[in-house]
Amino acid sequence: QVQLVESGGGLVQAGGSLRLSCVASGSFFSIGAMGWYRQAPGKQRDLVARITSVGTTNYADSVKGRFTISRDNAKNTVYLQMNSLKPEDTAVYYCTGSIYSGTHYSEYWGQGTQVTVSS
């Protein structure tokens, strides 16, 4: 059973920083692309940042220049460094990963971690 577990969320003042982590565990062959999504109350879940297995990244326009996604393949971990946080960044942040079982890829999601930015 594959699991993605996020950590690092919390309450921070506007202008502050947080670093989210997401570790994949269980039985699998490899991990393809990984990413972070967020969902604010009453809104849809949107892509924040994504990173491929070879390190190619893309970001939502709203976070470009403030957030950085990275990964450590040896640790099966993806990170999201969030700087210059704004109240509008408040949301539940979800990690996702494309996990290769050896025969096919499946998309897995973490349980989410709350990020709250106070003004």
PDB file of N, CA and C in Angstrom:
ATOM      1  N   GLN A   1       0.838  -1.185   0.000  1.00  0.00           N
ATOM      2  CA  GLN A   1       0.000   0.000   0.000  1.00  0.00           C
ATOM      3  C   GLN A   1       0.882   1.247   0.000  1.00  0.00           C
ATOM      4  N   VAL A   2       0.663   2.110  -0.971  1.00  0.00           N
ATOM      5  CA  VAL A   2       1.443   3.339  -1.091  1.00  0.00           C
ATOM      6  C   VAL A   2       0.768   4.446  -0.294  1.00  0.00           C
ATOM      7  N   GLN A   3       1.564   5.210   0.409  1.00  0.00           N
ATOM      8  CA  GLN A   3       1.052   6.353   1.155  1.00  0.00           C
ATOM      9  C   GLN A   3       1.912   7.574   0.900  1.00  0.00           C
ATOM     10  N   LEU A   4       1.264   8.728   0.816  1.00  0.00           N
ATOM     11  CA  LEU A   4       1.946  10.014   0.778  1.00  0.00           C
ATOM     12  C   LEU A   4       1.544  10.764   2.041  1.00  0.00           C
ATOM     13  N   VAL A   5       2.535  11.204   2.795  1.00  0.00           N
ATOM     14  CA  VAL A   5       2.269  11.882   4.056  1.00  0.00           C
ATOM     15  C   VAL A   5       2.930  13.251   4.045  1.00  0.00           C
ATOM     16  N   GLU A   6       2.104  14.296   4.179  1.00  0.00           N
ATOM     17  CA  GLU A   6       2.605  15.663   4.208  1.00  0.00           C
ATOM     18  C   GLU A   6       2.897  16.100   5.644  1.00  0.00           C
ATOM     19  N   SER A   7       3.775  17.069   5.761  1.00  0.00           N
ATOM     20  CA  SER A   7       4.061  17.706   7.041  1.00  0.00           C
ATOM     21  C   SER A   7       4.579  19.109   6.773  1.00  0.00           C
ATOM     22  N   GLY A   8       4.578  19.929   7.828  1.00  0.00           N
ATOM     23  CA  GLY A   8       5.175  21.255   7.721  1.00  0.00           C
ATOM     24  C   GLY A   8       4.192  22.397   7.662  1.00  0.00           C
ATOM     25  N   GLY A   9       2.896  22.096   7.623  1.00  0.00           N
ATOM     26  CA  GLY A   9       1.921  23.171   7.605  1.00  0.00           C
ATOM     27  C   GLY A   9       1.847  23.859   8.955  1.00  0.00           C
ATOM     28  N   GLY A  10       1.084  24.954   8.993  1.00  0.00           N
ATOM     29  CA  GLY A  10       0.927  25.676  10.242  1.00  0.00           C
ATOM     30  C   GLY A  10       0.427  27.071  10.033  1.00  0.00           C
ATOM     31  N   LEU A  11       0.550  27.862  11.090  1.00  0.00           N
ATOM     32  CA  LEU A  11       0.115  29.253  11.081  1.00  0.00           C
ATOM     33  C   LEU A  11       1.339  30.157  10.986  1.00  0.00           C
ATOM     34  N   VAL A  12       1.297  31.109  10.063  1.00  0.00           N
ATOM     35  CA  VAL A  12       2.420  32.018   9.880  1.00  0.00           C
ATOM     36  C   VAL A  12       1.879  33.391   9.534  1.00  0.00           C
ATOM     37  N   GLN A  13       2.629  34.421   9.881  1.00  0.00           N
ATOM     38  CA  GLN A  13       2.226  35.775   9.537  1.00  0.00           C
ATOM     39  C   GLN A  13       2.563  36.076   8.077  1.00  0.00           C
ATOM     40  N   ALA A  14       1.842  37.000   7.503  1.00  0.00           N
ATOM     41  CA  ALA A  14       2.127  37.426   6.136  1.00  0.00           C
ATOM     42  C   ALA A  14       3.583  37.876   6.022  1.00  0.00           C
ATOM     43  N   GLY A  15       4.208  37.455   4.941  1.00  0.00           N
ATOM     44  CA  GLY A  15       5.619  37.738   4.733  1.00  0.00           C
ATOM     45  C   GLY A  15       6.538  36.654   5.241  1.00  0.00           C
ATOM     46  N   GLY A  16       5.990  35.722   5.998  1.00  0.00           N
ATOM     47  CA  GLY A  16       6.791  34.644   6.555  1.00  0.00           C
ATOM     48  C   GLY A  16       6.989  33.496   5.585  1.00  0.00           C
ATOM     49  N   SER A  17       7.607  32.433   6.096  1.00  0.00           N
ATOM     50  CA  SER A  17       7.948  31.278   5.272  1.00  0.00           C
ATOM     51  C   SER A  17       7.532  29.983   5.959  1.00  0.00           C
ATOM     52  N   LEU A  18       7.261  28.998   5.140  1.00  0.00           N
ATOM     53  CA  LEU A  18       7.019  27.633   5.604  1.00  0.00           C
ATOM     54  C   LEU A  18       7.624  26.674   4.586  1.00  0.00           C
ATOM     55  N   ARG A  19       7.997  25.499   5.060  1.00  0.00           N
ATOM     56  CA  ARG A  19       8.489  24.456   4.162  1.00  0.00           C
ATOM     57  C   ARG A  19       7.650  23.205   4.361  1.00  0.00           C
ATOM     58  N   LEU A  20       6.984  22.792   3.314  1.00  0.00           N
ATOM     59  CA  LEU A  20       6.194  21.575   3.354  1.00  0.00           C
ATOM     60  C   LEU A  20       7.031  20.402   2.842  1.00  0.00           C
ATOM     61  N   SER A  21       6.788  19.241   3.430  1.00  0.00           N
ATOM     62  CA  SER A  21       7.446  18.012   2.988  1.00  0.00           C
ATOM     63  C   SER A  21       6.388  16.950   2.726  1.00  0.00           C
ATOM     64  N   CYS A  22       6.695  16.043   1.838  1.00  0.00           N
ATOM     65  CA  CYS A  22       5.788  14.934   1.545  1.00  0.00           C
ATOM     66  C   CYS A  22       6.634  13.705   1.239  1.00  0.00           C
ATOM     67  N   VAL A  23       6.428  12.670   2.035  1.00  0.00           N
ATOM     68  CA  VAL A  23       7.196  11.434   1.884  1.00  0.00           C
ATOM     69  C   VAL A  23       6.290  10.329   1.347  1.00  0.00           C
ATOM     70  N   ALA A  24       6.777   9.636   0.329  1.00  0.00           N
ATOM     71  CA  ALA A  24       6.064   8.478  -0.214  1.00  0.00           C
ATOM     72  C   ALA A  24       6.633   7.215   0.413  1.00  0.00           C
ATOM     73  N   SER A  25       5.746   6.343   0.870  1.00  0.00           N
ATOM     74  CA  SER A  25       6.181   5.091   1.469  1.00  0.00           C
ATOM     75  C   SER A  25       5.330   3.947   0.940  1.00  0.00           C
ATOM     76  N   GLY A  26       5.833   2.728   1.156  1.00  0.00           N
ATOM     77  CA  GLY A  26       5.119   1.552   0.688  1.00  0.00           C
ATOM     78  C   GLY A  26       5.925   0.808  -0.356  1.00  0.00           C
ATOM     79  N   SER A  27       5.262  -0.056  -1.070  1.00  0.00           N
ATOM     80  CA  SER A  27       5.923  -0.894  -2.062  1.00  0.00           C
ATOM     81  C   SER A  27       5.674  -0.356  -3.472  1.00  0.00           C
ATOM     82  N   PHE A  28       6.737   0.105  -4.125  1.00  0.00           N
ATOM     83  CA  PHE A  28       6.611   0.595  -5.496  1.00  0.00           C
ATOM     84  C   PHE A  28       7.966   0.558  -6.165  1.00  0.00           C
ATOM     85  N   PHE A  29       7.957   0.712  -7.490  1.00  0.00           N
ATOM     86  CA  PHE A  29       9.187   0.616  -8.261  1.00  0.00           C
ATOM     87  C   PHE A  29       9.888   1.957  -8.352  1.00  0.00           C
ATOM     88  N   SER A  30       9.138   3.004  -8.671  1.00  0.00           N
ATOM     89  CA  SER A  30       9.718   4.337  -8.795  1.00  0.00           C
ATOM     90  C   SER A  30       8.610   5.373  -8.723  1.00  0.00           C
ATOM     91  N   ILE A  31       9.025   6.647  -8.678  1.00  0.00           N
ATOM     92  CA  ILE A  31       8.071   7.756  -8.626  1.00  0.00           C
ATOM     93  C   ILE A  31       8.308   8.659  -9.820  1.00  0.00           C
ATOM     94  N   GLY A  32       7.250   8.971 -10.523  1.00  0.00           N
ATOM     95  CA  GLY A  32       7.352   9.909 -11.628  1.00  0.00           C
ATOM     96  C   GLY A  32       7.190  11.323 -11.122  1.00  0.00           C
ATOM     97  N   ALA A  33       6.335  12.088 -11.784  1.00  0.00           N
ATOM     98  CA  ALA A  33       6.124  13.471 -11.375  1.00  0.00           C
ATOM     99  C   ALA A  33       5.475  13.542  -9.998  1.00  0.00           C
ATOM    100  N   MET A  34       5.831  14.584  -9.269  1.00  0.00           N
ATOM    101  CA  MET A  34       5.213  14.872  -7.980  1.00  0.00           C
ATOM    102  C   MET A  34       4.768  16.327  -7.984  1.00  0.00           C
ATOM    103  N   GLY A  35       3.800  16.627  -7.143  1.00  0.00           N
ATOM    104  CA  GLY A  35       3.318  17.996  -7.158  1.00  0.00           C
ATOM    105  C   GLY A  35       2.599  18.381  -5.893  1.00  0.00           C
ATOM    106  N   TRP A  36       2.290  19.658  -5.830  1.00  0.00           N
ATOM    107  CA  TRP A  36       1.521  20.216  -4.721  1.00  0.00           C
ATOM    108  C   TRP A  36       0.302  20.933  -5.289  1.00  0.00           C
ATOM    109  N   TYR A  37      -0.842  20.666  -4.691  1.00  0.00           N
ATOM    110  CA  TYR A  37      -2.085  21.356  -4.996  1.00  0.00           C
ATOM    111  C   TYR A  37      -2.563  22.030  -3.711  1.00  0.00           C
ATOM    112  N   ARG A  38      -3.474  22.954  -3.854  1.00  0.00           N
ATOM    113  CA  ARG A  38      -4.080  23.573  -2.674  1.00  0.00           C
ATOM    114  C   ARG A  38      -5.552  23.837  -2.920  1.00  0.00           C
ATOM    115  N   GLN A  39      -6.282  23.837  -1.815  1.00  0.00           N
ATOM    116  CA  GLN A  39      -7.719  24.072  -1.882  1.00  0.00           C
ATOM    117  C   GLN A  39      -8.128  24.954  -0.723  1.00  0.00           C
ATOM    118  N   ALA A  40      -8.624  26.126  -1.065  1.00  0.00           N
ATOM    119  CA  ALA A  40      -9.153  27.048  -0.068  1.00  0.00           C
ATOM    120  C   ALA A  40     -10.634  26.754   0.122  1.00  0.00           C
ATOM    121  N   PRO A  41     -11.205  27.143   1.261  1.00  0.00           N
ATOM    122  CA  PRO A  41     -12.621  26.884   1.516  1.00  0.00           C
ATOM    123  C   PRO A  41     -13.509  27.440   0.411  1.00  0.00           C
ATOM    124  N   GLY A  42     -14.406  26.591  -0.094  1.00  0.00           N
ATOM    125  CA  GLY A  42     -15.331  27.027  -1.117  1.00  0.00           C
ATOM    126  C   GLY A  42     -14.754  27.139  -2.507  1.00  0.00           C
ATOM    127  N   LYS A  43     -13.507  26.750  -2.679  1.00  0.00           N
ATOM    128  CA  LYS A  43     -12.854  26.865  -3.983  1.00  0.00           C
ATOM    129  C   LYS A  43     -12.406  25.494  -4.470  1.00  0.00           C
ATOM    130  N   GLN A  44     -12.066  25.423  -5.751  1.00  0.00           N
ATOM    131  CA  GLN A  44     -11.609  24.162  -6.305  1.00  0.00           C
ATOM    132  C   GLN A  44     -10.146  23.930  -5.929  1.00  0.00           C
ATOM    133  N   ARG A  45      -9.713  22.692  -6.092  1.00  0.00           N
ATOM    134  CA  ARG A  45      -8.323  22.345  -5.834  1.00  0.00           C
ATOM    135  C   ARG A  45      -7.485  22.714  -7.062  1.00  0.00           C
ATOM    136  N   ASP A  46      -6.468  23.504  -6.839  1.00  0.00           N
ATOM    137  CA  ASP A  46      -5.653  24.013  -7.937  1.00  0.00           C
ATOM    138  C   ASP A  46      -4.193  23.575  -7.807  1.00  0.00           C
ATOM    139  N   LEU A  47      -3.542  23.416  -8.943  1.00  0.00           N
ATOM    140  CA  LEU A  47      -2.124  23.100  -8.957  1.00  0.00           C
ATOM    141  C   LEU A  47      -1.313  24.291  -8.455  1.00  0.00           C
ATOM    142  N   VAL A  48      -0.365  24.020  -7.569  1.00  0.00           N
ATOM    143  CA  VAL A  48       0.564  25.034  -7.091  1.00  0.00           C
ATOM    144  C   VAL A  48       1.906  24.893  -7.803  1.00  0.00           C
ATOM    145  N   ALA A  49       2.437  23.680  -7.790  1.00  0.00           N
ATOM    146  CA  ALA A  49       3.737  23.436  -8.409  1.00  0.00           C
ATOM    147  C   ALA A  49       3.872  21.953  -8.705  1.00  0.00           C
ATOM    148  N   ARG A  50       4.699  21.663  -9.701  1.00  0.00           N
ATOM    149  CA  ARG A  50       4.882  20.282 -10.119  1.00  0.00           C
ATOM    150  C   ARG A  50       6.342  20.090 -10.503  1.00  0.00           C
ATOM    151  N   ILE A  51       6.871  18.893 -10.242  1.00  0.00           N
ATOM    152  CA  ILE A  51       8.255  18.590 -10.603  1.00  0.00           C
ATOM    153  C   ILE A  51       8.320  17.184 -11.179  1.00  0.00           C
ATOM    154  N   THR A  52       9.010  17.035 -12.303  1.00  0.00           N
ATOM    155  CA  THR A  52       9.137  15.722 -12.918  1.00  0.00           C
ATOM    156  C   THR A  52      10.250  14.927 -12.232  1.00  0.00           C
ATOM    157  N   SER A  53      10.407  13.700 -12.651  1.00  0.00           N
ATOM    158  CA  SER A  53      11.425  12.835 -12.050  1.00  0.00           C
ATOM    159  C   SER A  53      12.841  13.325 -12.344  1.00  0.00           C
ATOM    160  N   VAL A  54      12.990  14.126 -13.393  1.00  0.00           N
ATOM    161  CA  VAL A  54      14.319  14.647 -13.730  1.00  0.00           C
ATOM    162  C   VAL A  54      14.483  16.098 -13.307  1.00  0.00           C
ATOM    163  N   GLY A  55      13.489  16.638 -12.598  1.00  0.00           N
ATOM    164  CA  GLY A  55      13.658  17.961 -12.003  1.00  0.00           C
ATOM    165  C   GLY A  55      13.069  19.127 -12.769  1.00  0.00           C
ATOM    166  N   THR A  56      12.353  18.867 -13.830  1.00  0.00           N
ATOM    167  CA  THR A  56      11.682  19.958 -14.539  1.00  0.00           C
ATOM    168  C   THR A  56      10.496  20.439 -13.711  1.00  0.00           C
ATOM    169  N   THR A  57      10.397  21.753 -13.557  1.00  0.00           N
ATOM    170  CA  THR A  57       9.371  22.306 -12.682  1.00  0.00           C
ATOM    171  C   THR A  57       8.422  23.232 -13.438  1.00  0.00           C
ATOM    172  N   ASN A  58       7.221  23.363 -12.899  1.00  0.00           N
ATOM    173  CA  ASN A  58       6.312  24.408 -13.345  1.00  0.00           C
ATOM    174  C   ASN A  58       5.482  24.864 -12.157  1.00  0.00           C
ATOM    175  N   TYR A  59       5.048  26.130 -12.221  1.00  0.00           N
ATOM    176  CA  TYR A  59       4.386  26.777 -11.098  1.00  0.00           C
ATOM    177  C   TYR A  59       3.124  27.512 -11.554  1.00  0.00           C
ATOM    178  N   ALA A  60       2.201  27.628 -10.632  1.00  0.00           N
ATOM    179  CA  ALA A  60       1.075  28.522 -10.858  1.00  0.00           C
ATOM    180  C   ALA A  60       1.606  29.950 -10.882  1.00  0.00           C
ATOM    181  N   ASP A  61       0.989  30.795 -11.704  1.00  0.00           N
ATOM    182  CA  ASP A  61       1.449  32.177 -11.810  1.00  0.00           C
ATOM    183  C   ASP A  61       1.430  32.884 -10.458  1.00  0.00           C
ATOM    184  N   SER A  62       0.467  32.539  -9.629  1.00  0.00           N
ATOM    185  CA  SER A  62       0.295  33.230  -8.348  1.00  0.00           C
ATOM    186  C   SER A  62       1.432  32.970  -7.359  1.00  0.00           C
ATOM    187  N   VAL A  63       2.232  31.940  -7.598  1.00  0.00           N
ATOM    188  CA  VAL A  63       3.304  31.606  -6.644  1.00  0.00           C
ATOM    189  C   VAL A  63       4.695  31.729  -7.252  1.00  0.00           C
ATOM    190  N   LYS A  64       4.778  32.037  -8.529  1.00  0.00           N
ATOM    191  CA  LYS A  64       6.083  32.156  -9.176  1.00  0.00           C
ATOM    192  C   LYS A  64       6.931  33.209  -8.487  1.00  0.00           C
ATOM    193  N   GLY A  65       8.191  32.859  -8.222  1.00  0.00           N
ATOM    194  CA  GLY A  65       9.105  33.779  -7.559  1.00  0.00           C
ATOM    195  C   GLY A  65       9.025  33.731  -6.050  1.00  0.00           C
ATOM    196  N   ARG A  66       8.007  33.069  -5.503  1.00  0.00           N
ATOM    197  CA  ARG A  66       7.857  32.974  -4.041  1.00  0.00           C
ATOM    198  C   ARG A  66       7.997  31.545  -3.546  1.00  0.00           C
ATOM    199  N   PHE A  67       7.505  30.587  -4.323  1.00  0.00           N
ATOM    200  CA  PHE A  67       7.537  29.176  -3.930  1.00  0.00           C
ATOM    201  C   PHE A  67       8.553  28.428  -4.773  1.00  0.00           C
ATOM    202  N   THR A  68       9.175  27.423  -4.153  1.00  0.00           N
ATOM    203  CA  THR A  68      10.116  26.567  -4.864  1.00  0.00           C
ATOM    204  C   THR A  68       9.822  25.110  -4.543  1.00  0.00           C
ATOM    205  N   ILE A  69       9.622  24.314  -5.583  1.00  0.00           N
ATOM    206  CA  ILE A  69       9.419  22.887  -5.402  1.00  0.00           C
ATOM    207  C   ILE A  69      10.734  22.166  -5.682  1.00  0.00           C
ATOM    208  N   SER A  70      11.008  21.137  -4.883  1.00  0.00           N
ATOM    209  CA  SER A  70      12.213  20.341  -5.088  1.00  0.00           C
ATOM    210  C   SER A  70      11.922  18.918  -4.634  1.00  0.00           C
ATOM    211  N   ARG A  71      12.817  18.019  -4.939  1.00  0.00           N
ATOM    212  CA  ARG A  71      12.610  16.638  -4.533  1.00  0.00           C
ATOM    213  C   ARG A  71      13.944  15.974  -4.241  1.00  0.00           C
ATOM    214  N   ASP A  72      13.868  14.963  -3.387  1.00  0.00           N
ATOM    215  CA  ASP A  72      15.016  14.125  -3.065  1.00  0.00           C
ATOM    216  C   ASP A  72      14.607  12.707  -3.420  1.00  0.00           C
ATOM    217  N   ASN A  73      15.049  12.230  -4.560  1.00  0.00           N
ATOM    218  CA  ASN A  73      14.606  10.918  -5.036  1.00  0.00           C
ATOM    219  C   ASN A  73      15.081   9.793  -4.124  1.00  0.00           C
ATOM    220  N   ALA A  74      16.225   9.963  -3.501  1.00  0.00           N
ATOM    221  CA  ALA A  74      16.733   8.926  -2.597  1.00  0.00           C
ATOM    222  C   ALA A  74      15.863   8.772  -1.362  1.00  0.00           C
ATOM    223  N   LYS A  75      15.167   9.858  -1.008  1.00  0.00           N
ATOM    224  CA  LYS A  75      14.293   9.834   0.176  1.00  0.00           C
ATOM    225  C   LYS A  75      12.824   9.767  -0.195  1.00  0.00           C
ATOM    226  N   ASN A  76      12.531   9.660  -1.495  1.00  0.00           N
ATOM    227  CA  ASN A  76      11.129   9.613  -1.952  1.00  0.00           C
ATOM    228  C   ASN A  76      10.325  10.783  -1.399  1.00  0.00           C
ATOM    229  N   THR A  77      10.941  11.950  -1.421  1.00  0.00           N
ATOM    230  CA  THR A  77      10.357  13.120  -0.768  1.00  0.00           C
ATOM    231  C   THR A  77      10.303  14.300  -1.732  1.00  0.00           C
ATOM    232  N   VAL A  78       9.207  15.042  -1.654  1.00  0.00           N
ATOM    233  CA  VAL A  78       9.080  16.291  -2.386  1.00  0.00           C
ATOM    234  C   VAL A  78       8.854  17.404  -1.375  1.00  0.00           C
ATOM    235  N   TYR A  79       9.408  18.569  -1.676  1.00  0.00           N
ATOM    236  CA  TYR A  79       9.330  19.713  -0.773  1.00  0.00           C
ATOM    237  C   TYR A  79       8.667  20.890  -1.475  1.00  0.00           C
ATOM    238  N   LEU A  80       8.107  21.773  -0.676  1.00  0.00           N
ATOM    239  CA  LEU A  80       7.612  23.041  -1.190  1.00  0.00           C
ATOM    240  C   LEU A  80       8.065  24.129  -0.230  1.00  0.00           C
ATOM    241  N   GLN A  81       9.033  24.905  -0.662  1.00  0.00           N
ATOM    242  CA  GLN A  81       9.489  26.049   0.126  1.00  0.00           C
ATOM    243  C   GLN A  81       8.636  27.246  -0.239  1.00  0.00           C
ATOM    244  N   MET A  82       7.966  27.803   0.739  1.00  0.00           N
ATOM    245  CA  MET A  82       7.045  28.905   0.520  1.00  0.00           C
ATOM    246  C   MET A  82       7.555  30.146   1.243  1.00  0.00           C
ATOM    247  N   ASN A  83       7.898  31.152   0.483  1.00  0.00           N
ATOM    248  CA  ASN A  83       8.388  32.411   1.041  1.00  0.00           C
ATOM    249  C   ASN A  83       7.427  33.540   0.719  1.00  0.00           C
ATOM    250  N   SER A  84       7.588  34.645   1.430  1.00  0.00           N
ATOM    251  CA  SER A  84       6.739  35.824   1.204  1.00  0.00           C
ATOM    252  C   SER A  84       5.270  35.440   1.154  1.00  0.00           C
ATOM    253  N   LEU A  85       4.861  34.685   2.144  1.00  0.00           N
ATOM    254  CA  LEU A  85       3.488  34.181   2.164  1.00  0.00           C
ATOM    255  C   LEU A  85       2.475  35.315   2.313  1.00  0.00           C
ATOM    256  N   LYS A  86       1.330  35.105   1.673  1.00  0.00           N
ATOM    257  CA  LYS A  86       0.245  36.077   1.683  1.00  0.00           C
ATOM    258  C   LYS A  86      -1.007  35.427   2.260  1.00  0.00           C
ATOM    259  N   PRO A  87      -1.926  36.218   2.787  1.00  0.00           N
ATOM    260  CA  PRO A  87      -3.171  35.630   3.308  1.00  0.00           C
ATOM    261  C   PRO A  87      -3.899  34.785   2.268  1.00  0.00           C
ATOM    262  N   GLU A  88      -3.802  35.157   1.014  1.00  0.00           N
ATOM    263  CA  GLU A  88      -4.478  34.382  -0.025  1.00  0.00           C
ATOM    264  C   GLU A  88      -3.820  33.031  -0.303  1.00  0.00           C
ATOM    265  N   ASP A  89      -2.683  32.761   0.323  1.00  0.00           N
ATOM    266  CA  ASP A  89      -2.072  31.432   0.230  1.00  0.00           C
ATOM    267  C   ASP A  89      -2.696  30.455   1.228  1.00  0.00           C
ATOM    268  N   THR A  90      -3.569  30.950   2.092  1.00  0.00           N
ATOM    269  CA  THR A  90      -4.221  30.100   3.072  1.00  0.00           C
ATOM    270  C   THR A  90      -5.061  29.031   2.370  1.00  0.00           C
ATOM    271  N   ALA A  91      -4.793  27.780   2.713  1.00  0.00           N
ATOM    272  CA  ALA A  91      -5.483  26.657   2.064  1.00  0.00           C
ATOM    273  C   ALA A  91      -5.003  25.352   2.700  1.00  0.00           C
ATOM    274  N   VAL A  92      -5.667  24.281   2.340  1.00  0.00           N
ATOM    275  CA  VAL A  92      -5.130  22.951   2.618  1.00  0.00           C
ATOM    276  C   VAL A  92      -4.254  22.566   1.423  1.00  0.00           C
ATOM    277  N   TYR A  93      -3.034  22.178   1.715  1.00  0.00           N
ATOM    278  CA  TYR A  93      -2.072  21.820   0.667  1.00  0.00           C
ATOM    279  C   TYR A  93      -1.961  20.297   0.585  1.00  0.00           C
ATOM    280  N   TYR A  94      -2.104  19.806  -0.629  1.00  0.00           N
ATOM    281  CA  TYR A  94      -2.076  18.363  -0.880  1.00  0.00           C
ATOM    282  C   TYR A  94      -0.883  18.003  -1.757  1.00  0.00           C
ATOM    283  N   CYS A  95      -0.242  16.918  -1.388  1.00  0.00           N
ATOM    284  CA  CYS A  95       0.848  16.371  -2.177  1.00  0.00           C
ATOM    285  C   CYS A  95       0.280  15.299  -3.102  1.00  0.00           C
ATOM    286  N   THR A  96       0.836  15.189  -4.287  1.00  0.00           N
ATOM    287  CA  THR A  96       0.444  14.140  -5.205  1.00  0.00           C
ATOM    288  C   THR A  96       1.681  13.539  -5.858  1.00  0.00           C
ATOM    289  N   GLY A  97       1.599  12.268  -6.181  1.00  0.00           N
ATOM    290  CA  GLY A  97       2.719  11.603  -6.820  1.00  0.00           C
ATOM    291  C   GLY A  97       2.241  10.543  -7.790  1.00  0.00           C
ATOM    292  N   SER A  98       2.947  10.444  -8.905  1.00  0.00           N
ATOM    293  CA  SER A  98       2.652   9.418  -9.905  1.00  0.00           C
ATOM    294  C   SER A  98       3.576   8.239  -9.621  1.00  0.00           C
ATOM    295  N   ILE A  99       3.012   7.171  -9.070  1.00  0.00           N
ATOM    296  CA  ILE A  99       3.793   6.052  -8.549  1.00  0.00           C
ATOM    297  C   ILE A  99       3.767   4.881  -9.538  1.00  0.00           C
ATOM    298  N   TYR A 100       4.970   4.397  -9.854  1.00  0.00           N
ATOM    299  CA  TYR A 100       5.090   3.279 -10.786  1.00  0.00           C
ATOM    300  C   TYR A 100       5.234   1.972 -10.017  1.00  0.00           C
ATOM    301  N   SER A 101       4.291   1.055 -10.254  1.00  0.00           N
ATOM    302  CA  SER A 101       4.265  -0.212  -9.515  1.00  0.00           C
ATOM    303  C   SER A 101       5.205  -1.251 -10.116  1.00  0.00           C
ATOM    304  N   GLY A 102       5.655  -0.967 -11.337  1.00  0.00           N
ATOM    305  CA  GLY A 102       6.437  -1.952 -12.079  1.00  0.00           C
ATOM    306  C   GLY A 102       5.719  -2.370 -13.347  1.00  0.00           C
ATOM    307  N   THR A 103       4.385  -2.117 -13.333  1.00  0.00           N
ATOM    308  CA  THR A 103       3.579  -2.417 -14.515  1.00  0.00           C
ATOM    309  C   THR A 103       2.805  -1.206 -15.011  1.00  0.00           C
ATOM    310  N   HIS A 104       2.454  -0.315 -14.125  1.00  0.00           N
ATOM    311  CA  HIS A 104       1.690   0.865 -14.517  1.00  0.00           C
ATOM    312  C   HIS A 104       1.870   1.968 -13.485  1.00  0.00           C
ATOM    313  N   TYR A 105       1.490   3.205 -13.908  1.00  0.00           N
ATOM    314  CA  TYR A 105       1.506   4.364 -13.009  1.00  0.00           C
ATOM    315  C   TYR A 105       0.119   4.565 -12.400  1.00  0.00           C
ATOM    316  N   SER A 106       0.110   4.969 -11.147  1.00  0.00           N
ATOM    317  CA  SER A 106      -1.123   5.360 -10.478  1.00  0.00           C
ATOM    318  C   SER A 106      -0.862   6.662  -9.736  1.00  0.00           C
ATOM    319  N   GLU A 107      -1.896   7.487  -9.654  1.00  0.00           N
ATOM    320  CA  GLU A 107      -1.773   8.771  -8.964  1.00  0.00           C
ATOM    321  C   GLU A 107      -2.237   8.611  -7.517  1.00  0.00           C
ATOM    322  N   TYR A 108      -1.403   9.064  -6.606  1.00  0.00           N
ATOM    323  CA  TYR A 108      -1.727   9.018  -5.185  1.00  0.00           C
ATOM    324  C   TYR A 108      -1.736  10.427  -4.610  1.00  0.00           C
ATOM    325  N   TRP A 109      -2.554  10.596  -3.560  1.00  0.00           N
ATOM    326  CA  TRP A 109      -2.687  11.884  -2.887  1.00  0.00           C
ATOM    327  C   TRP A 109      -2.428  11.720  -1.392  1.00  0.00           C
ATOM    328  N   GLY A 110      -1.845  12.761  -0.811  1.00  0.00           N
ATOM    329  CA  GLY A 110      -1.725  12.803   0.629  1.00  0.00           C
ATOM    330  C   GLY A 110      -3.022  13.274   1.262  1.00  0.00           C
ATOM    331  N   GLN A 111      -3.023  13.318   2.588  1.00  0.00           N
ATOM    332  CA  GLN A 111      -4.229  13.680   3.318  1.00  0.00           C
ATOM    333  C   GLN A 111      -4.400  15.197   3.441  1.00  0.00           C
ATOM    334  N   GLY A 112      -3.364  15.933   3.119  1.00  0.00           N
ATOM    335  CA  GLY A 112      -3.433  17.390   3.188  1.00  0.00           C
ATOM    336  C   GLY A 112      -2.852  17.951   4.470  1.00  0.00           C
ATOM    337  N   THR A 113      -2.315  19.153   4.362  1.00  0.00           N
ATOM    338  CA  THR A 113      -1.805  19.864   5.533  1.00  0.00           C
ATOM    339  C   THR A 113      -2.268  21.312   5.439  1.00  0.00           C
ATOM    340  N   GLN A 114      -2.732  21.840   6.560  1.00  0.00           N
ATOM    341  CA  GLN A 114      -3.313  23.188   6.575  1.00  0.00           C
ATOM    342  C   GLN A 114      -2.212  24.233   6.655  1.00  0.00           C
ATOM    343  N   VAL A 115      -2.312  25.228   5.788  1.00  0.00           N
ATOM    344  CA  VAL A 115      -1.444  26.406   5.845  1.00  0.00           C
ATOM    345  C   VAL A 115      -2.341  27.619   6.034  1.00  0.00           C
ATOM    346  N   THR A 116      -2.086  28.358   7.101  1.00  0.00           N
ATOM    347  CA  THR A 116      -2.868  29.550   7.394  1.00  0.00           C
ATOM    348  C   THR A 116      -1.922  30.738   7.501  1.00  0.00           C
ATOM    349  N   VAL A 117      -2.196  31.772   6.705  1.00  0.00           N
ATOM    350  CA  VAL A 117      -1.365  32.974   6.707  1.00  0.00           C
ATOM    351  C   VAL A 117      -2.204  34.126   7.240  1.00  0.00           C
ATOM    352  N   SER A 118      -1.771  34.687   8.344  1.00  0.00           N
ATOM    353  CA  SER A 118      -2.505  35.782   8.969  1.00  0.00           C
ATOM    354  C   SER A 118      -1.983  37.127   8.460  1.00  0.00           C
ATOM    355  N   SER A 119      -2.887  38.087   8.386  1.00  0.00           N
ATOM    356  CA  SER A 119      -2.505  39.415   7.886  1.00  0.00           C
ATOM    357  C   SER A 119      -2.043  40.324   9.001  1.00  0.00           C
TER     358      SER A 119
END
